[in-house]
C-alpha cells in the first residue's frame, strides 16, 4: 500500500469507530421497522478492521492501551454480531452501549496518540 492509501484507510477506520461510538446519531438514523445497526458493524469489517489492528501492531503505531481496546472491541463486536435485533432495540441494549463506549474510548486514545 502507498502512504496515501494507508492514510485513507486510517481515516475510514477512524470514521467507522466514531460512527459506532455515536449513539445520538444512531438514534436519528435507526428508526422504523427496517432499521438496523448491522451496517455500522459491517462497515468496520468491510474496511478489514482485523488486518488494520495487525498493521498497527506490526508498525508499532498507537498506544498499547488503544490497541488493547481495539482488540477488546473486536471481541465485543464478534459476540454481539451473533444477536439479531433491530436498530431500535440495539439502542436500548446495555451491551450495545458498552460497545459504543469502547469505540469512543478508542477514538479518544487515537486522537491522543496517532500522528496526523
N, C-alpha and C. Protein backbone atom coordinates (compact mmCIF):
# COMPACT_ATOMS: atom_id res chain seq x y z
N UNK A 1 0.83 -1.18 0.00
CA UNK A 1 0.00 0.00 0.00
C UNK A 1 0.87 1.25 0.00
N UNK A 2 0.41 2.26 -0.67
CA UNK A 2 1.11 3.53 -0.63
C UNK A 2 0.78 4.26 0.67
N UNK A 3 1.57 5.26 0.99
CA UNK A 3 1.31 6.05 2.20
C UNK A 3 -0.07 6.71 2.11
N UNK A 4 -0.43 7.17 0.93
CA UNK A 4 -1.74 7.79 0.72
C UNK A 4 -2.86 6.79 1.02
N UNK A 5 -2.72 5.56 0.54
CA UNK A 5 -3.74 4.53 0.78
C UNK A 5 -3.83 4.19 2.26
N UNK A 6 -2.70 4.12 2.92
CA UNK A 6 -2.69 3.83 4.36
C UNK A 6 -3.37 4.96 5.13
N UNK A 7 -3.07 6.20 4.77
CA UNK A 7 -3.71 7.34 5.43
C UNK A 7 -5.22 7.33 5.21
N UNK A 8 -5.64 6.99 4.00
CA UNK A 8 -7.08 6.91 3.71
C UNK A 8 -7.73 5.78 4.52
N UNK A 9 -7.03 4.66 4.62
CA UNK A 9 -7.52 3.51 5.40
C UNK A 9 -7.69 3.91 6.87
N UNK A 10 -6.69 4.58 7.41
CA UNK A 10 -6.76 5.04 8.80
C UNK A 10 -7.97 5.95 9.00
N UNK A 11 -8.16 6.87 8.07
CA UNK A 11 -9.28 7.82 8.19
C UNK A 11 -10.62 7.08 8.16
N UNK A 12 -10.75 6.11 7.28
CA UNK A 12 -12.00 5.35 7.18
C UNK A 12 -12.26 4.52 8.43
N UNK A 13 -11.22 3.90 8.97
CA UNK A 13 -11.36 3.13 10.21
C UNK A 13 -11.78 4.07 11.34
N UNK A 14 -11.11 5.20 11.44
CA UNK A 14 -11.44 6.19 12.47
C UNK A 14 -12.91 6.61 12.36
N UNK A 15 -13.35 6.91 11.14
CA UNK A 15 -14.74 7.33 10.94
C UNK A 15 -15.72 6.22 11.30
N UNK A 16 -15.37 4.98 11.00
CA UNK A 16 -16.24 3.85 11.35
C UNK A 16 -16.32 3.69 12.86
N UNK A 17 -15.20 3.85 13.55
CA UNK A 17 -15.20 3.78 15.02
C UNK A 17 -16.03 4.92 15.60
N UNK A 18 -15.89 6.10 15.04
CA UNK A 18 -16.66 7.25 15.52
C UNK A 18 -18.16 7.00 15.32
N UNK A 19 -18.53 6.38 14.21
CA UNK A 19 -19.95 6.08 13.96
C UNK A 19 -20.49 5.08 14.98
N UNK A 20 -19.69 4.10 15.34
CA UNK A 20 -20.12 3.12 16.35
C UNK A 20 -20.28 3.81 17.70
N UNK A 21 -19.46 4.78 17.99
CA UNK A 21 -19.49 5.44 19.29
C UNK A 21 -20.61 6.47 19.43
N UNK A 22 -21.23 6.86 18.33
CA UNK A 22 -22.17 7.98 18.32
C UNK A 22 -23.63 7.53 18.48
N UNK A 23 -24.04 7.30 19.71
CA UNK A 23 -25.40 6.85 20.00
C UNK A 23 -26.43 7.90 19.56
N UNK A 24 -26.12 9.17 19.72
CA UNK A 24 -27.10 10.21 19.37
C UNK A 24 -27.44 10.20 17.88
N UNK A 25 -26.44 10.06 17.03
CA UNK A 25 -26.70 9.96 15.59
C UNK A 25 -27.45 8.67 15.27
N UNK A 26 -27.08 7.58 15.94
CA UNK A 26 -27.77 6.31 15.72
C UNK A 26 -29.25 6.45 16.06
N UNK A 27 -29.59 7.19 17.10
CA UNK A 27 -30.99 7.39 17.47
C UNK A 27 -31.77 8.06 16.34
N UNK A 28 -31.11 8.94 15.61
CA UNK A 28 -31.77 9.63 14.50
C UNK A 28 -31.88 8.74 13.26
N UNK A 29 -30.88 7.89 13.03
CA UNK A 29 -30.82 7.10 11.81
C UNK A 29 -31.48 5.74 11.92
N UNK A 30 -31.52 5.16 13.09
CA UNK A 30 -32.00 3.79 13.26
C UNK A 30 -33.45 3.78 13.74
N UNK A 31 -34.34 4.34 12.96
CA UNK A 31 -35.75 4.35 13.33
C UNK A 31 -36.55 3.57 12.29
N UNK A 32 -37.68 3.03 12.71
CA UNK A 32 -38.54 2.28 11.81
C UNK A 32 -38.25 0.80 11.84
N UNK A 33 -39.17 0.02 11.26
CA UNK A 33 -39.05 -1.44 11.33
C UNK A 33 -37.86 -2.02 10.57
N UNK A 34 -37.37 -1.32 9.57
CA UNK A 34 -36.25 -1.83 8.78
C UNK A 34 -34.90 -1.34 9.31
N UNK A 35 -34.93 -0.56 10.38
CA UNK A 35 -33.69 -0.01 10.92
C UNK A 35 -32.80 -1.11 11.48
N UNK A 36 -31.51 -0.96 11.24
CA UNK A 36 -30.58 -1.98 11.70
C UNK A 36 -29.24 -1.35 12.04
N UNK A 37 -28.62 -1.90 13.05
CA UNK A 37 -27.27 -1.46 13.40
C UNK A 37 -26.21 -2.27 12.69
N UNK A 38 -26.64 -3.26 11.94
CA UNK A 38 -25.67 -4.15 11.28
C UNK A 38 -24.75 -3.39 10.33
N UNK A 39 -25.26 -2.33 9.71
CA UNK A 39 -24.45 -1.59 8.74
C UNK A 39 -23.23 -0.95 9.39
N UNK A 40 -23.42 -0.42 10.59
CA UNK A 40 -22.30 0.25 11.25
C UNK A 40 -21.22 -0.76 11.64
N UNK A 41 -21.61 -1.97 12.00
CA UNK A 41 -20.65 -3.02 12.31
C UNK A 41 -20.00 -3.52 11.02
N UNK A 42 -20.82 -3.76 10.01
CA UNK A 42 -20.30 -4.26 8.73
C UNK A 42 -19.29 -3.31 8.11
N UNK A 43 -19.56 -2.02 8.24
CA UNK A 43 -18.65 -1.02 7.66
C UNK A 43 -17.24 -1.19 8.23
N UNK A 44 -17.14 -1.39 9.53
CA UNK A 44 -15.83 -1.55 10.15
C UNK A 44 -15.11 -2.78 9.61
N UNK A 45 -15.84 -3.88 9.47
CA UNK A 45 -15.20 -5.11 8.99
C UNK A 45 -14.99 -5.11 7.49
N UNK A 46 -15.81 -4.36 6.74
CA UNK A 46 -15.55 -4.20 5.31
C UNK A 46 -14.22 -3.48 5.08
N UNK A 47 -13.82 -2.70 6.06
CA UNK A 47 -12.54 -1.98 5.98
C UNK A 47 -11.37 -2.82 6.50
N UNK A 48 -11.61 -4.11 6.74
CA UNK A 48 -10.56 -5.02 7.21
C UNK A 48 -10.00 -4.60 8.57
N UNK A 49 -10.92 -4.42 9.54
CA UNK A 49 -10.55 -3.98 10.88
C UNK A 49 -9.48 -4.88 11.50
N UNK A 50 -9.62 -6.18 11.38
CA UNK A 50 -8.63 -7.11 11.96
C UNK A 50 -7.25 -6.91 11.34
N UNK A 51 -7.22 -6.75 10.03
CA UNK A 51 -5.96 -6.51 9.34
C UNK A 51 -5.36 -5.17 9.77
N UNK A 52 -6.23 -4.20 9.98
CA UNK A 52 -5.78 -2.88 10.43
C UNK A 52 -5.11 -2.97 11.80
N UNK A 53 -5.71 -3.71 12.72
CA UNK A 53 -5.10 -3.89 14.04
C UNK A 53 -3.73 -4.53 13.89
N UNK A 54 -3.64 -5.56 13.06
CA UNK A 54 -2.34 -6.21 12.82
C UNK A 54 -1.33 -5.23 12.24
N UNK A 55 -1.78 -4.40 11.32
CA UNK A 55 -0.91 -3.38 10.72
C UNK A 55 -0.35 -2.46 11.80
N UNK A 56 -1.23 -1.98 12.70
CA UNK A 56 -0.78 -1.08 13.76
C UNK A 56 0.24 -1.76 14.67
N UNK A 57 -0.02 -3.01 15.01
CA UNK A 57 0.90 -3.76 15.87
C UNK A 57 2.26 -3.93 15.19
N UNK A 58 2.23 -4.36 13.93
CA UNK A 58 3.48 -4.60 13.19
C UNK A 58 4.29 -3.32 13.00
N UNK A 59 3.60 -2.21 12.83
CA UNK A 59 4.27 -0.93 12.58
C UNK A 59 4.44 -0.09 13.84
N UNK A 60 4.11 -0.69 14.97
CA UNK A 60 4.26 -0.04 16.27
C UNK A 60 3.62 1.34 16.29
N UNK A 61 2.38 1.40 15.82
CA UNK A 61 1.62 2.64 15.83
C UNK A 61 0.52 2.53 16.88
N UNK A 62 0.21 3.65 17.50
CA UNK A 62 -0.83 3.66 18.52
C UNK A 62 -0.29 3.19 19.86
N UNK A 63 -0.98 3.58 20.90
CA UNK A 63 -0.56 3.18 22.25
C UNK A 63 -0.99 1.74 22.53
N UNK A 64 -0.34 1.14 23.51
CA UNK A 64 -0.73 -0.22 23.92
C UNK A 64 -2.18 -0.23 24.39
N UNK A 65 -2.56 0.81 25.11
CA UNK A 65 -3.94 0.91 25.61
C UNK A 65 -4.92 0.95 24.44
N UNK A 66 -4.62 1.75 23.42
CA UNK A 66 -5.52 1.84 22.27
C UNK A 66 -5.62 0.49 21.57
N UNK A 67 -4.50 -0.16 21.36
CA UNK A 67 -4.51 -1.47 20.69
C UNK A 67 -5.28 -2.50 21.52
N UNK A 68 -5.11 -2.46 22.83
CA UNK A 68 -5.85 -3.38 23.70
C UNK A 68 -7.35 -3.13 23.59
N UNK A 69 -7.74 -1.85 23.54
CA UNK A 69 -9.16 -1.51 23.41
C UNK A 69 -9.69 -1.92 22.03
N UNK A 70 -8.87 -1.79 21.00
CA UNK A 70 -9.29 -2.21 19.66
C UNK A 70 -9.53 -3.71 19.62
N UNK A 71 -8.65 -4.47 20.25
CA UNK A 71 -8.82 -5.92 20.30
C UNK A 71 -10.06 -6.29 21.12
N UNK A 72 -10.27 -5.56 22.21
CA UNK A 72 -11.46 -5.80 23.05
C UNK A 72 -12.73 -5.50 22.27
N UNK A 73 -12.73 -4.40 21.53
CA UNK A 73 -13.89 -4.05 20.72
C UNK A 73 -14.16 -5.12 19.67
N UNK A 74 -13.11 -5.63 19.06
CA UNK A 74 -13.27 -6.70 18.07
C UNK A 74 -14.00 -7.89 18.68
N UNK A 75 -13.60 -8.30 19.87
CA UNK A 75 -14.24 -9.42 20.55
C UNK A 75 -15.69 -9.09 20.90
N UNK A 76 -15.93 -7.89 21.38
CA UNK A 76 -17.29 -7.47 21.73
C UNK A 76 -18.20 -7.50 20.50
N UNK A 77 -17.69 -6.98 19.38
CA UNK A 77 -18.48 -6.96 18.15
C UNK A 77 -18.72 -8.36 17.61
N UNK A 78 -17.72 -9.21 17.72
CA UNK A 78 -17.87 -10.60 17.28
C UNK A 78 -18.99 -11.27 18.07
N UNK A 79 -18.97 -11.10 19.37
CA UNK A 79 -20.02 -11.68 20.21
C UNK A 79 -21.38 -11.06 19.91
N UNK A 80 -21.40 -9.75 19.71
CA UNK A 80 -22.66 -9.04 19.50
C UNK A 80 -23.27 -9.33 18.14
N UNK A 81 -22.45 -9.57 17.14
CA UNK A 81 -22.96 -9.77 15.78
C UNK A 81 -23.78 -11.05 15.66
N UNK A 82 -23.68 -11.92 16.64
CA UNK A 82 -24.47 -13.16 16.62
C UNK A 82 -25.92 -12.91 17.04
N UNK A 83 -26.17 -11.75 17.64
CA UNK A 83 -27.50 -11.41 18.11
C UNK A 83 -28.22 -10.66 16.99
N UNK A 84 -29.41 -11.08 16.68
CA UNK A 84 -30.19 -10.43 15.62
C UNK A 84 -31.31 -9.61 16.26
N UNK A 85 -31.07 -8.30 16.40
CA UNK A 85 -32.11 -7.41 16.92
C UNK A 85 -32.15 -6.15 16.08
N UNK A 86 -33.27 -5.47 16.12
CA UNK A 86 -33.43 -4.26 15.33
C UNK A 86 -32.56 -3.14 15.88
N UNK A 87 -32.35 -2.13 15.05
CA UNK A 87 -31.57 -0.98 15.47
C UNK A 87 -32.18 -0.29 16.67
N UNK A 88 -33.51 -0.20 16.69
CA UNK A 88 -34.18 0.46 17.81
C UNK A 88 -33.92 -0.29 19.12
N UNK A 89 -33.95 -1.62 19.07
CA UNK A 89 -33.67 -2.41 20.28
C UNK A 89 -32.19 -2.33 20.65
N UNK A 90 -31.33 -2.26 19.65
CA UNK A 90 -29.90 -2.12 19.93
C UNK A 90 -29.64 -0.86 20.74
N UNK A 91 -30.35 0.21 20.40
CA UNK A 91 -30.13 1.48 21.08
C UNK A 91 -30.50 1.43 22.56
N UNK A 92 -31.33 0.47 22.93
CA UNK A 92 -31.73 0.30 24.33
C UNK A 92 -30.89 -0.75 25.05
N UNK A 93 -30.09 -1.47 24.31
CA UNK A 93 -29.34 -2.61 24.84
C UNK A 93 -28.07 -2.14 25.57
N UNK A 94 -27.92 -2.48 26.84
CA UNK A 94 -26.71 -2.09 27.57
C UNK A 94 -25.42 -2.64 26.94
N UNK A 95 -25.51 -3.81 26.31
CA UNK A 95 -24.31 -4.35 25.65
C UNK A 95 -23.89 -3.47 24.48
N UNK A 96 -24.86 -2.94 23.74
CA UNK A 96 -24.53 -2.04 22.64
C UNK A 96 -23.92 -0.74 23.18
N UNK A 97 -24.45 -0.26 24.28
CA UNK A 97 -23.90 0.95 24.88
C UNK A 97 -22.46 0.72 25.34
N UNK A 98 -22.15 -0.48 25.82
CA UNK A 98 -20.77 -0.82 26.20
C UNK A 98 -19.86 -0.81 24.98
N UNK A 99 -20.38 -1.31 23.86
CA UNK A 99 -19.62 -1.30 22.61
C UNK A 99 -19.37 0.14 22.16
N UNK A 100 -20.42 0.96 22.20
CA UNK A 100 -20.28 2.37 21.80
C UNK A 100 -19.27 3.09 22.70
N UNK A 101 -19.32 2.79 23.99
CA UNK A 101 -18.38 3.41 24.93
C UNK A 101 -16.94 2.99 24.61
N UNK A 102 -16.74 1.72 24.33
CA UNK A 102 -15.40 1.24 23.99
C UNK A 102 -14.89 1.90 22.72
N UNK A 103 -15.76 2.01 21.72
CA UNK A 103 -15.38 2.70 20.47
C UNK A 103 -15.02 4.15 20.75
N UNK A 104 -15.78 4.80 21.63
CA UNK A 104 -15.50 6.20 21.98
C UNK A 104 -14.14 6.31 22.66
N UNK A 105 -13.81 5.36 23.51
CA UNK A 105 -12.51 5.37 24.18
C UNK A 105 -11.37 5.21 23.17
N UNK A 106 -11.59 4.37 22.17
CA UNK A 106 -10.58 4.20 21.12
C UNK A 106 -10.37 5.51 20.36
N UNK A 107 -11.46 6.19 20.04
CA UNK A 107 -11.36 7.47 19.34
C UNK A 107 -10.57 8.48 20.18
N UNK A 108 -10.84 8.53 21.47
CA UNK A 108 -10.11 9.44 22.36
C UNK A 108 -8.63 9.08 22.39
N UNK A 109 -8.33 7.80 22.55
CA UNK A 109 -6.93 7.36 22.57
C UNK A 109 -6.25 7.61 21.23
N UNK A 110 -6.98 7.39 20.15
CA UNK A 110 -6.45 7.64 18.80
C UNK A 110 -6.06 9.11 18.68
N UNK A 111 -6.98 9.99 19.07
CA UNK A 111 -6.71 11.42 18.98
C UNK A 111 -5.47 11.82 19.78
N UNK A 112 -5.23 11.11 20.88
CA UNK A 112 -4.11 11.44 21.75
C UNK A 112 -2.78 10.83 21.30
N UNK A 113 -2.83 9.75 20.52
CA UNK A 113 -1.58 9.02 20.24
C UNK A 113 -1.21 8.86 18.78
N UNK A 114 -2.16 8.97 17.88
CA UNK A 114 -1.85 8.71 16.47
C UNK A 114 -1.40 9.99 15.79
N UNK A 115 -0.42 9.86 14.92
CA UNK A 115 0.05 11.00 14.14
C UNK A 115 -0.96 11.32 13.05
N UNK A 116 -1.03 12.58 12.72
CA UNK A 116 -1.93 13.01 11.63
C UNK A 116 -1.34 12.64 10.30
